[in-house]
PDB file of all heavy atoms in Angstrom:
ATOM      1  N   ASP A   1      64.838   2.746  20.580  1.00  0.00           N
ATOM      2  CA  ASP A   1      64.360   4.122  20.392  1.00  0.00           C
ATOM      3  C   ASP A   1      64.561   4.648  18.970  1.00  0.00           C
ATOM      4  O   ASP A   1      64.030   5.694  18.618  1.00  0.00           O
ATOM      5  CB  ASP A   1      65.090   5.074  21.351  1.00  0.00           C
ATOM      6  CG  ASP A   1      64.818   4.749  22.814  1.00  0.00           C
ATOM      7  OD1 ASP A   1      63.655   4.413  23.130  1.00  0.00           O
ATOM      8  OD2 ASP A   1      65.751   4.811  23.628  1.00  0.00           O
ATOM      9  N   ALA A   2      65.342   3.939  18.185  1.00  0.00           N
ATOM     10  CA  ALA A   2      65.671   4.392  16.820  1.00  0.00           C
ATOM     11  C   ALA A   2      65.983   3.171  15.970  1.00  0.00           C
ATOM     12  O   ALA A   2      66.177   2.081  16.479  1.00  0.00           O
ATOM     13  CB  ALA A   2      66.872   5.336  16.853  1.00  0.00           C
ATOM     14  N   TYR A   3      66.027   3.401  14.673  1.00  0.00           N
ATOM     15  CA  TYR A   3      66.415   2.325  13.768  1.00  0.00           C
ATOM     16  C   TYR A   3      67.928   2.246  13.721  1.00  0.00           C
ATOM     17  O   TYR A   3      68.616   3.194  14.078  1.00  0.00           O
ATOM     18  CB  TYR A   3      65.834   2.567  12.378  1.00  0.00           C
ATOM     19  CG  TYR A   3      64.382   2.126  12.288  1.00  0.00           C
ATOM     20  CD1 TYR A   3      63.371   2.887  12.861  1.00  0.00           C
ATOM     21  CD2 TYR A   3      64.039   0.948  11.648  1.00  0.00           C
ATOM     22  CE1 TYR A   3      62.063   2.476  12.809  1.00  0.00           C
ATOM     23  CE2 TYR A   3      62.722   0.532  11.595  1.00  0.00           C
ATOM     24  CZ  TYR A   3      61.738   1.297  12.172  1.00  0.00           C
ATOM     25  OH  TYR A   3      60.438   0.882  12.127  1.00  0.00           O
ATOM     26  N   ARG A   4      68.452   1.117  13.287  1.00  0.00           N
ATOM     27  CA  ARG A   4      69.910   0.954  13.182  1.00  0.00           C
ATOM     28  C   ARG A   4      70.271   0.182  11.930  1.00  0.00           C
ATOM     29  O   ARG A   4      69.462  -0.582  11.401  1.00  0.00           O
ATOM     30  CB  ARG A   4      70.491   0.284  14.422  1.00  0.00           C
ATOM     31  CG  ARG A   4      70.180  -1.177  14.585  1.00  0.00           C
ATOM     32  CD  ARG A   4      70.886  -1.789  15.784  1.00  0.00           C
ATOM     33  NE  ARG A   4      71.027  -3.197  15.626  1.00  0.00           N
ATOM     34  CZ  ARG A   4      72.049  -3.841  15.052  1.00  0.00           C
ATOM     35  NH1 ARG A   4      73.045  -3.143  14.566  1.00  0.00           N
ATOM     36  NH2 ARG A   4      72.080  -5.148  14.948  1.00  0.00           N
ATOM     37  N   ILE A   5      71.482   0.385  11.470  1.00  0.00           N
ATOM     38  CA  ILE A   5      72.013  -0.254  10.262  1.00  0.00           C
ATOM     39  C   ILE A   5      72.751  -1.518  10.639  1.00  0.00           C
ATOM     40  O   ILE A   5      73.573  -1.517  11.547  1.00  0.00           O
ATOM     41  CB  ILE A   5      72.981   0.696   9.519  1.00  0.00           C
ATOM     42  CG1 ILE A   5      72.339   2.033   9.166  1.00  0.00           C
ATOM     43  CG2 ILE A   5      73.623   0.018   8.307  1.00  0.00           C
ATOM     44  CD1 ILE A   5      71.287   1.963   8.091  1.00  0.00           C
ATOM     45  N   ILE A   6      72.465  -2.596   9.947  1.00  0.00           N
ATOM     46  CA  ILE A   6      73.281  -3.824  10.068  1.00  0.00           C
ATOM     47  C   ILE A   6      74.368  -3.629   9.020  1.00  0.00           C
ATOM     48  O   ILE A   6      74.161  -3.866   7.839  1.00  0.00           O
ATOM     49  CB  ILE A   6      72.442  -5.090   9.796  1.00  0.00           C
ATOM     50  CG1 ILE A   6      71.240  -5.143  10.721  1.00  0.00           C
ATOM     51  CG2 ILE A   6      73.311  -6.337   9.921  1.00  0.00           C
ATOM     52  CD1 ILE A   6      70.213  -6.186  10.325  1.00  0.00           C
ATOM     53  N   ARG A   7      75.511  -3.186   9.453  1.00  0.00           N
ATOM     54  CA  ARG A   7      76.577  -2.734   8.529  1.00  0.00           C
ATOM     55  C   ARG A   7      77.018  -3.810   7.531  1.00  0.00           C
ATOM     56  O   ARG A   7      77.296  -3.514   6.382  1.00  0.00           O
ATOM     57  CB  ARG A   7      77.762  -2.228   9.331  1.00  0.00           C
ATOM     58  CG  ARG A   7      78.745  -1.510   8.490  1.00  0.00           C
ATOM     59  CD  ARG A   7      79.657  -0.685   9.340  1.00  0.00           C
ATOM     60  NE  ARG A   7      80.800  -0.294   8.535  1.00  0.00           N
ATOM     61  CZ  ARG A   7      81.882   0.224   9.011  1.00  0.00           C
ATOM     62  NH1 ARG A   7      81.982   0.448  10.293  1.00  0.00           N
ATOM     63  NH2 ARG A   7      82.890   0.537   8.227  1.00  0.00           N
ATOM     64  N   GLU A   8      77.030  -5.066   7.944  1.00  0.00           N
ATOM     65  CA  GLU A   8      77.479  -6.148   7.049  1.00  0.00           C
ATOM     66  C   GLU A   8      76.533  -6.328   5.862  1.00  0.00           C
ATOM     67  O   GLU A   8      76.902  -6.881   4.847  1.00  0.00           O
ATOM     68  CB  GLU A   8      77.574  -7.463   7.814  1.00  0.00           C
ATOM     69  CG  GLU A   8      78.414  -7.453   9.054  1.00  0.00           C
ATOM     70  CD  GLU A   8      77.685  -6.866  10.248  1.00  0.00           C
ATOM     71  OE1 GLU A   8      76.555  -7.279  10.579  1.00  0.00           O
ATOM     72  OE2 GLU A   8      78.279  -5.956  10.892  1.00  0.00           O
ATOM     73  N   ARG A   9      75.305  -5.894   6.005  1.00  0.00           N
ATOM     74  CA  ARG A   9      74.316  -6.049   4.929  1.00  0.00           C
ATOM     75  C   ARG A   9      74.203  -4.797   4.059  1.00  0.00           C
ATOM     76  O   ARG A   9      73.646  -4.824   2.985  1.00  0.00           O
ATOM     77  CB  ARG A   9      72.939  -6.371   5.500  1.00  0.00           C
ATOM     78  CG  ARG A   9      72.859  -7.764   6.091  1.00  0.00           C
ATOM     79  CD  ARG A   9      71.424  -8.151   6.409  1.00  0.00           C
ATOM     80  NE  ARG A   9      70.522  -8.096   5.262  1.00  0.00           N
ATOM     81  CZ  ARG A   9      70.319  -9.092   4.401  1.00  0.00           C
ATOM     82  NH1 ARG A   9      70.984 -10.213   4.535  1.00  0.00           N
ATOM     83  NH2 ARG A   9      69.452  -8.952   3.421  1.00  0.00           N
ATOM     84  N   CYS A  10      74.717  -3.687   4.548  1.00  0.00           N
ATOM     85  CA  CYS A  10      74.551  -2.393   3.860  1.00  0.00           C
ATOM     86  C   CYS A  10      75.371  -2.378   2.555  1.00  0.00           C
ATOM     87  O   CYS A  10      76.549  -2.702   2.553  1.00  0.00           O
ATOM     88  CB  CYS A  10      74.971  -1.239   4.751  1.00  0.00           C
ATOM     89  SG  CYS A  10      74.715   0.390   4.014  1.00  0.00           S
ATOM     90  N   ILE A  11      74.704  -1.977   1.463  1.00  0.00           N
ATOM     91  CA  ILE A  11      75.400  -1.894   0.176  1.00  0.00           C
ATOM     92  C   ILE A  11      75.813  -0.452  -0.159  1.00  0.00           C
ATOM     93  O   ILE A  11      76.362  -0.180  -1.234  1.00  0.00           O
ATOM     94  CB  ILE A  11      74.573  -2.500  -0.965  1.00  0.00           C
ATOM     95  CG1 ILE A  11      73.247  -1.737  -1.146  1.00  0.00           C
ATOM     96  CG2 ILE A  11      74.361  -3.992  -0.729  1.00  0.00           C
ATOM     97  CD1 ILE A  11      72.447  -2.179  -2.380  1.00  0.00           C
ATOM     98  N   GLY A  12      75.532   0.483   0.711  1.00  0.00           N
ATOM     99  CA  GLY A  12      75.955   1.870   0.513  1.00  0.00           C
ATOM    100  C   GLY A  12      75.282   2.607  -0.628  1.00  0.00           C
ATOM    101  O   GLY A  12      75.843   3.510  -1.214  1.00  0.00           O
ATOM    102  N   CYS A  13      74.048   2.225  -0.937  1.00  0.00           N
ATOM    103  CA  CYS A  13      73.361   2.838  -2.083  1.00  0.00           C
ATOM    104  C   CYS A  13      72.820   4.229  -1.793  1.00  0.00           C
ATOM    105  O   CYS A  13      72.645   5.042  -2.701  1.00  0.00           O
ATOM    106  CB  CYS A  13      72.236   1.929  -2.572  1.00  0.00           C
ATOM    107  SG  CYS A  13      70.850   1.747  -1.389  1.00  0.00           S
ATOM    108  N   GLY A  14      72.490   4.520  -0.541  1.00  0.00           N
ATOM    109  CA  GLY A  14      71.987   5.822  -0.173  1.00  0.00           C
ATOM    110  C   GLY A  14      70.487   6.042  -0.326  1.00  0.00           C
ATOM    111  O   GLY A  14      69.997   7.141  -0.112  1.00  0.00           O
ATOM    112  N   LEU A  15      69.738   4.998  -0.689  1.00  0.00           N
ATOM    113  CA  LEU A  15      68.286   5.166  -0.807  1.00  0.00           C
ATOM    114  C   LEU A  15      67.655   5.572   0.502  1.00  0.00           C
ATOM    115  O   LEU A  15      66.714   6.374   0.525  1.00  0.00           O
ATOM    116  CB  LEU A  15      67.639   3.876  -1.319  1.00  0.00           C
ATOM    117  CG  LEU A  15      67.880   3.527  -2.789  1.00  0.00           C
ATOM    118  CD1 LEU A  15      67.281   2.181  -3.117  1.00  0.00           C
ATOM    119  CD2 LEU A  15      67.325   4.602  -3.686  1.00  0.00           C
ATOM    120  N   CYS A  16      68.156   5.055   1.596  1.00  0.00           N
ATOM    121  CA  CYS A  16      67.609   5.426   2.914  1.00  0.00           C
ATOM    122  C   CYS A  16      67.876   6.900   3.234  1.00  0.00           C
ATOM    123  O   CYS A  16      67.021   7.573   3.804  1.00  0.00           O
ATOM    124  CB  CYS A  16      68.213   4.527   3.998  1.00  0.00           C
ATOM    125  SG  CYS A  16      70.023   4.510   4.060  1.00  0.00           S
ATOM    126  N   VAL A  17      69.037   7.375   2.822  1.00  0.00           N
ATOM    127  CA  VAL A  17      69.390   8.784   3.070  1.00  0.00           C
ATOM    128  C   VAL A  17      68.424   9.717   2.370  1.00  0.00           C
ATOM    129  O   VAL A  17      67.982  10.715   2.940  1.00  0.00           O
ATOM    130  CB  VAL A  17      70.837   9.064   2.587  1.00  0.00           C
ATOM    131  CG1 VAL A  17      71.190  10.535   2.739  1.00  0.00           C
ATOM    132  CG2 VAL A  17      71.848   8.196   3.332  1.00  0.00           C
ATOM    133  N   SER A  18      68.061   9.370   1.151  1.00  0.00           N
ATOM    134  CA  SER A  18      67.249  10.258   0.335  1.00  0.00           C
ATOM    135  C   SER A  18      65.812  10.366   0.794  1.00  0.00           C
ATOM    136  O   SER A  18      65.099  11.272   0.368  1.00  0.00           O
ATOM    137  CB  SER A  18      67.288   9.807  -1.132  1.00  0.00           C
ATOM    138  OG  SER A  18      66.656   8.552  -1.275  1.00  0.00           O
ATOM    139  N   THR A  19      65.361   9.485   1.680  1.00  0.00           N
ATOM    140  CA  THR A  19      63.957   9.542   2.109  1.00  0.00           C
ATOM    141  C   THR A  19      63.776   9.740   3.595  1.00  0.00           C
ATOM    142  O   THR A  19      62.633   9.751   4.065  1.00  0.00           O
ATOM    143  CB  THR A  19      63.212   8.266   1.701  1.00  0.00           C
ATOM    144  OG1 THR A  19      63.907   7.153   2.258  1.00  0.00           O
ATOM    145  CG2 THR A  19      63.128   8.112   0.197  1.00  0.00           C
ATOM    146  N   CYS A  20      64.832   9.924   4.331  1.00  0.00           N
ATOM    147  CA  CYS A  20      64.715  10.114   5.780  1.00  0.00           C
ATOM    148  C   CYS A  20      64.180  11.519   6.075  1.00  0.00           C
ATOM    149  O   CYS A  20      64.866  12.519   5.827  1.00  0.00           O
ATOM    150  CB  CYS A  20      66.055   9.907   6.466  1.00  0.00           C
ATOM    151  SG  CYS A  20      65.994  10.140   8.275  1.00  0.00           S
ATOM    152  N   PRO A  21      62.958  11.629   6.612  1.00  0.00           N
ATOM    153  CA  PRO A  21      62.375  12.943   6.857  1.00  0.00           C
ATOM    154  C   PRO A  21      63.095  13.751   7.946  1.00  0.00           C
ATOM    155  O   PRO A  21      63.032  14.969   7.964  1.00  0.00           O
ATOM    156  CB  PRO A  21      60.926  12.640   7.238  1.00  0.00           C
ATOM    157  CG  PRO A  21      60.928  11.252   7.738  1.00  0.00           C
ATOM    158  CD  PRO A  21      62.052  10.557   6.998  1.00  0.00           C
ATOM    159  N   SER A  22      63.784  13.061   8.839  1.00  0.00           N
ATOM    160  CA  SER A  22      64.481  13.767   9.921  1.00  0.00           C
ATOM    161  C   SER A  22      65.985  13.948   9.646  1.00  0.00           C
ATOM    162  O   SER A  22      66.718  14.401  10.522  1.00  0.00           O
ATOM    163  CB  SER A  22      64.273  13.032  11.244  1.00  0.00           C
ATOM    164  OG  SER A  22      64.744  11.722  11.173  1.00  0.00           O
ATOM    165  N   GLU A  23      66.407  13.558   8.438  1.00  0.00           N
ATOM    166  CA  GLU A  23      67.815  13.680   8.026  1.00  0.00           C
ATOM    167  C   GLU A  23      68.772  13.037   9.042  1.00  0.00           C
ATOM    168  O   GLU A  23      69.822  13.568   9.340  1.00  0.00           O
ATOM    169  CB  GLU A  23      68.186  15.142   7.776  1.00  0.00           C
ATOM    170  CG  GLU A  23      67.360  15.768   6.649  1.00  0.00           C
ATOM    171  CD  GLU A  23      67.721  17.212   6.363  1.00  0.00           C
ATOM    172  OE1 GLU A  23      68.567  17.789   7.065  1.00  0.00           O
ATOM    173  OE2 GLU A  23      67.166  17.753   5.395  1.00  0.00           O
ATOM    174  N   ALA A  24      68.363  11.866   9.542  1.00  0.00           N
ATOM    175  CA  ALA A  24      69.151  11.166  10.528  1.00  0.00           C
ATOM    176  C   ALA A  24      70.148  10.193   9.915  1.00  0.00           C
ATOM    177  O   ALA A  24      70.997   9.653  10.632  1.00  0.00           O
ATOM    178  CB  ALA A  24      68.226  10.400  11.472  1.00  0.00           C
ATOM    179  N   ILE A  25      70.066   9.970   8.607  1.00  0.00           N
ATOM    180  CA  ILE A  25      70.923   8.983   7.962  1.00  0.00           C
ATOM    181  C   ILE A  25      71.908   9.661   7.049  1.00  0.00           C
ATOM    182  O   ILE A  25      71.564  10.605   6.328  1.00  0.00           O
ATOM    183  CB  ILE A  25      70.091   7.957   7.153  1.00  0.00           C
ATOM    184  CG1 ILE A  25      68.953   7.402   8.006  1.00  0.00           C
ATOM    185  CG2 ILE A  25      70.984   6.808   6.664  1.00  0.00           C
ATOM    186  CD1 ILE A  25      67.971   6.528   7.256  1.00  0.00           C
ATOM    187  N   ARG A  26      73.126   9.182   7.053  1.00  0.00           N
ATOM    188  CA  ARG A  26      74.150   9.722   6.161  1.00  0.00           C
ATOM    189  C   ARG A  26      74.999   8.562   5.643  1.00  0.00           C
ATOM    190  O   ARG A  26      75.040   7.482   6.256  1.00  0.00           O
ATOM    191  CB  ARG A  26      75.039  10.727   6.855  1.00  0.00           C
ATOM    192  CG  ARG A  26      75.903  10.142   7.941  1.00  0.00           C
ATOM    193  CD  ARG A  26      76.649  11.220   8.725  1.00  0.00           C
ATOM    194  NE  ARG A  26      77.569  10.601   9.692  1.00  0.00           N
ATOM    195  CZ  ARG A  26      78.885  10.534   9.555  1.00  0.00           C
ATOM    196  NH1 ARG A  26      79.457  11.095   8.527  1.00  0.00           N
ATOM    197  NH2 ARG A  26      79.627   9.962  10.478  1.00  0.00           N
ATOM    198  N   LEU A  27      75.629   8.771   4.516  1.00  0.00           N
ATOM    199  CA  LEU A  27      76.579   7.785   4.002  1.00  0.00           C
ATOM    200  C   LEU A  27      77.958   8.146   4.526  1.00  0.00           C
ATOM    201  O   LEU A  27      78.365   9.302   4.520  1.00  0.00           O
ATOM    202  CB  LEU A  27      76.608   7.808   2.461  1.00  0.00           C
ATOM    203  CG  LEU A  27      75.401   7.164   1.779  1.00  0.00           C
ATOM    204  CD1 LEU A  27      75.593   7.224   0.259  1.00  0.00           C
ATOM    205  CD2 LEU A  27      75.198   5.735   2.215  1.00  0.00           C
ATOM    206  N   VAL A  28      78.656   7.123   4.970  1.00  0.00           N
ATOM    207  CA  VAL A  28      79.998   7.277   5.523  1.00  0.00           C
ATOM    208  C   VAL A  28      80.972   6.609   4.566  1.00  0.00           C
ATOM    209  O   VAL A  28      80.748   5.474   4.137  1.00  0.00           O
ATOM    210  CB  VAL A  28      80.101   6.623   6.934  1.00  0.00           C
ATOM    211  CG1 VAL A  28      81.521   6.732   7.472  1.00  0.00           C
ATOM    212  CG2 VAL A  28      79.095   7.259   7.870  1.00  0.00           C
ATOM    213  N   HIS A  29      82.034   7.318   4.214  1.00  0.00           N
ATOM    214  CA  HIS A  29      83.050   6.763   3.341  1.00  0.00           C
ATOM    215  C   HIS A  29      83.919   5.779   4.134  1.00  0.00           C
ATOM    216  O   HIS A  29      84.397   6.118   5.221  1.00  0.00           O
ATOM    217  CB  HIS A  29      83.922   7.881   2.759  1.00  0.00           C
ATOM    218  CG  HIS A  29      84.769   7.457   1.618  1.00  0.00           C
ATOM    219  ND1 HIS A  29      86.025   6.939   1.790  1.00  0.00           N
ATOM    220  CD2 HIS A  29      84.525   7.469   0.310  1.00  0.00           C
ATOM    221  CE1 HIS A  29      86.520   6.639   0.582  1.00  0.00           C
ATOM    222  NE2 HIS A  29      85.630   6.959  -0.320  1.00  0.00           N
ATOM    223  N   LYS A  30      84.055   4.584   3.605  1.00  0.00           N
ATOM    224  CA  LYS A  30      84.897   3.581   4.261  1.00  0.00           C
ATOM    225  C   LYS A  30      86.339   4.028   4.206  1.00  0.00           C
ATOM    226  O   LYS A  30      86.755   4.734   3.295  1.00  0.00           O
ATOM    227  CB  LYS A  30      84.777   2.231   3.545  1.00  0.00           C
ATOM    228  CG  LYS A  30      83.419   1.604   3.640  1.00  0.00           C
ATOM    229  CD  LYS A  30      83.383   0.314   2.846  1.00  0.00           C
ATOM    230  CE  LYS A  30      82.024  -0.327   2.869  1.00  0.00           C
ATOM    231  NZ  LYS A  30      81.972  -1.528   2.021  1.00  0.00           N
ATOM    232  N   GLY A  31      87.119   3.576   5.154  1.00  0.00           N
ATOM    233  CA  GLY A  31      88.538   3.878   5.152  1.00  0.00           C
ATOM    234  C   GLY A  31      89.243   3.126   4.034  1.00  0.00           C
ATOM    235  O   GLY A  31      88.728   2.100   3.534  1.00  0.00           O
ATOM    236  N   PRO A  32      90.412   3.608   3.603  1.00  0.00           N
ATOM    237  CA  PRO A  32      91.138   2.972   2.483  1.00  0.00           C
ATOM    238  C   PRO A  32      91.425   1.501   2.695  1.00  0.00           C
ATOM    239  O   PRO A  32      91.439   0.722   1.760  1.00  0.00           O
ATOM    240  CB  PRO A  32      92.445   3.760   2.412  1.00  0.00           C
ATOM    241  CG  PRO A  32      92.252   4.989   3.214  1.00  0.00           C
ATOM    242  CD  PRO A  32      91.102   4.743   4.159  1.00  0.00           C
ATOM    243  N   ASP A  33      91.608   1.085   3.962  1.00  0.00           N
ATOM    244  CA  ASP A  33      91.891  -0.315   4.257  1.00  0.00           C
ATOM    245  C   ASP A  33      90.665  -1.208   4.118  1.00  0.00           C
ATOM    246  O   ASP A  33      90.753  -2.419   4.069  1.00  0.00           O
ATOM    247  CB  ASP A  33      92.472  -0.462   5.661  1.00  0.00           C
ATOM    248  CG  ASP A  33      91.553   0.058   6.750  1.00  0.00           C
ATOM    249  OD1 ASP A  33      90.908   1.109   6.544  1.00  0.00           O
ATOM    250  OD2 ASP A  33      91.478  -0.578   7.810  1.00  0.00           O
ATOM    251  N   LYS A  34      89.480  -0.610   4.010  1.00  0.00           N
ATOM    252  CA  LYS A  34      88.229  -1.358   3.877  1.00  0.00           C
ATOM    253  C   LYS A  34      87.678  -1.346   2.451  1.00  0.00           C
ATOM    254  O   LYS A  34      86.648  -1.954   2.172  1.00  0.00           O
ATOM    255  CB  LYS A  34      87.156  -0.796   4.812  1.00  0.00           C
ATOM    256  CG  LYS A  34      87.528  -0.790   6.263  1.00  0.00           C
ATOM    257  CD  LYS A  34      87.544  -2.175   6.820  1.00  0.00           C
ATOM    258  CE  LYS A  34      87.786  -2.107   8.312  1.00  0.00           C
ATOM    259  NZ  LYS A  34      88.261  -3.315   8.872  1.00  0.00           N
ATOM    260  N   ILE A  35      88.341  -0.659   1.561  1.00  0.00           N
ATOM    261  CA  ILE A  35      87.867  -0.523   0.192  1.00  0.00           C
ATOM    262  C   ILE A  35      88.645  -1.490  -0.719  1.00  0.00           C
ATOM    263  O   ILE A  35      89.867  -1.435  -0.791  1.00  0.00           O
ATOM    264  CB  ILE A  35      88.020   0.910  -0.347  1.00  0.00           C
ATOM    265  CG1 ILE A  35      87.147   1.836   0.503  1.00  0.00           C
ATOM    266  CG2 ILE A  35      87.666   1.005  -1.800  1.00  0.00           C
ATOM    267  CD1 ILE A  35      87.337   3.323   0.191  1.00  0.00           C
ATOM    268  N   ALA A  36      87.916  -2.360  -1.383  1.00  0.00           N
ATOM    269  CA  ALA A  36      88.530  -3.302  -2.316  1.00  0.00           C
ATOM    270  C   ALA A  36      88.574  -2.654  -3.702  1.00  0.00           C
ATOM    271  O   ALA A  36      87.547  -2.225  -4.218  1.00  0.00           O
ATOM    272  CB  ALA A  36      87.729  -4.596  -2.361  1.00  0.00           C
TER     273      ALA A  36
END
């Protein structure tokens, strides 16, 4: 019923966020334990 993100492939650039007409996409900040 909707599109989904394959998280392992996502580079967090936000291009998808900037063009979503329904504002359904957002960038989520990774937790400190996931940030290198």
